[in-house]
Amino acid sequence: MSASPKRAWSEIMTVDQVAAYLQLNRLTIYRHIREGRLPASKIGKAYRIRKGDVEWFLDSMRTRPVRRPKAAVQPEAAAPRRPELVVVTSRPDSADRRDRELTLNPTEWVTRSLH
């Protein structure tokens, strides 16, 4: 039993039909074709895509549920961790030098030629 001509036509889709079917922009469909994610045939200047390839593409993009570990399995993950302390050392930059210069008495200003 062979497929009727009408059924054969419905198995081949244009980029616009695929875009409407997947509810995507047609430029997105072109990008998927160009990157090799969506199989297509180029006939002249136009692409033609089999409906089975569209279904395969849709199935290949399926996401999987993310499993999160239970708190009872990993007690360390359940307890909040304190951030590690970071020791900050000052470096002798211009702000530190300015602060030291402001603490000098007037005589030291003259002897150090800071005036």
Protein backbone atom coordinates (compact mmCIF):
# COMPACT_ATOMS: atom_id res chain seq x y z
CA MET A 1 0.00 0.00 0.00
CA SER A 2 1.65 3.25 -1.09
CA ALA A 3 1.17 6.67 0.42
CA SER A 4 -1.20 8.96 -1.39
CA PRO A 5 0.30 12.02 -3.13
CA LYS A 6 -1.50 14.33 -0.71
CA ARG A 7 0.08 12.57 2.28
CA ALA A 8 3.53 12.75 0.67
CA TRP A 9 3.17 16.49 0.26
CA SER A 10 2.31 16.98 3.92
CA GLU A 11 5.49 15.15 4.94
CA ILE A 12 7.68 17.86 3.36
CA MET A 13 7.72 21.32 4.97
CA THR A 14 9.13 24.72 4.11
CA VAL A 15 11.12 26.82 6.57
CA ASP A 16 8.06 29.02 7.17
CA GLN A 17 5.90 25.97 7.89
CA VAL A 18 8.50 24.57 10.31
CA ALA A 19 8.74 27.95 12.03
CA ALA A 20 4.96 28.09 12.42
CA TYR A 21 4.82 24.48 13.61
CA LEU A 22 7.54 24.99 16.26
CA GLN A 23 6.37 28.55 17.06
CA LEU A 24 9.84 29.95 16.35
CA ASN A 25 11.17 32.73 14.17
CA ARG A 26 12.14 31.57 10.68
CA LEU A 27 15.65 33.00 11.17
CA THR A 28 16.01 30.66 14.14
CA ILE A 29 15.09 27.74 11.88
CA TYR A 30 17.72 28.86 9.35
CA ARG A 31 20.30 29.02 12.15
CA HIS A 32 19.47 25.47 13.29
CA ILE A 33 19.80 24.25 9.69
CA ARG A 34 23.11 26.07 9.20
CA GLU A 35 24.52 24.67 12.47
CA GLY A 36 23.47 21.14 11.48
CA ARG A 37 20.95 20.63 14.27
CA LEU A 38 17.97 20.40 11.93
CA PRO A 39 18.44 18.20 8.83
CA ALA A 40 17.22 19.87 5.65
CA SER A 41 17.60 19.56 1.89
CA LYS A 42 18.39 22.59 -0.24
CA ILE A 43 16.57 22.53 -3.55
CA GLY A 44 17.61 25.51 -5.60
CA LYS A 45 17.53 28.43 -3.18
CA ALA A 46 14.91 26.96 -0.84
CA TYR A 47 15.17 24.49 2.01
CA ARG A 48 12.79 21.58 2.44
CA ILE A 49 12.51 19.69 5.71
CA ARG A 50 10.86 16.33 6.34
CA LYS A 51 8.29 16.33 9.10
CA GLY A 52 10.01 13.31 10.66
CA ASP A 53 13.24 15.34 10.90
CA VAL A 54 11.32 18.14 12.63
CA GLU A 55 9.93 15.63 15.14
CA TRP A 56 13.44 14.21 15.69
CA PHE A 57 14.81 17.74 16.18
CA LEU A 58 12.10 18.53 18.71
CA ASP A 59 12.82 15.30 20.62
CA SER A 60 16.57 15.98 20.58
CA MET A 61 16.01 19.37 22.24
CA ARG A 62 14.06 17.80 25.11
CA THR A 63 15.28 18.73 28.58
CA ARG A 64 15.66 16.37 31.50
CA PRO A 65 14.48 17.14 35.02
CA VAL A 66 17.21 18.29 37.39
CA ARG A 67 17.60 16.09 40.46
CA ARG A 68 18.65 17.85 43.62
CA PRO A 69 20.29 15.91 46.46
CA LYS A 70 18.24 15.47 49.59
CA ALA A 71 19.40 17.27 52.75
CA ALA A 72 19.41 14.00 54.74
CA VAL A 73 21.90 12.42 52.34
CA GLN A 74 24.43 15.24 52.57
CA PRO A 75 24.29 16.96 56.00
CA GLU A 76 27.16 19.27 55.05
CA ALA A 77 25.15 20.76 52.22
CA ALA A 78 22.17 21.43 54.51
CA ALA A 79 24.13 23.50 57.04
CA PRO A 80 24.93 27.01 55.91
CA ARG A 81 28.64 27.57 55.52
CA ARG A 82 30.32 30.65 56.81
CA PRO A 83 32.37 32.53 54.28
CA GLU A 84 36.08 32.27 54.75
CA LEU A 85 37.79 35.30 56.21
CA VAL A 86 39.97 37.25 53.86
CA VAL A 87 42.97 39.03 55.29
CA VAL A 88 43.46 42.41 53.69
CA THR A 89 46.89 43.93 53.92
CA SER A 90 47.36 47.55 53.12
CA ARG A 91 49.90 48.47 50.56
CA PRO A 92 51.83 51.69 50.60
CA ASP A 93 49.90 53.64 48.02
CA SER A 94 49.33 57.36 47.79
CA ALA A 95 46.32 57.35 50.14
CA ASP A 96 48.33 55.68 52.93
CA ARG A 97 51.23 58.08 52.42
CA ARG A 98 48.85 61.05 52.55
CA ASP A 99 47.39 59.80 55.84
CA ARG A 100 50.88 59.44 57.34
CA GLU A 101 51.85 62.90 56.16
CA LEU A 102 48.81 64.44 57.83
CA THR A 103 49.89 63.02 61.20
CA LEU A 104 53.30 64.73 61.08
CA ASN A 105 53.93 67.85 63.13
CA PRO A 106 54.86 71.10 61.29
CA THR A 107 58.59 70.73 62.00
CA GLU A 108 58.67 67.32 60.29
CA TRP A 109 56.85 68.82 57.32
CA VAL A 110 59.67 71.31 56.84
CA THR A 111 62.48 68.82 57.37
CA ARG A 112 60.93 66.34 54.91
CA SER A 113 60.29 69.09 52.34
CA LEU A 114 56.59 68.33 52.19
CA HIS A 115 55.48 71.98 52.11
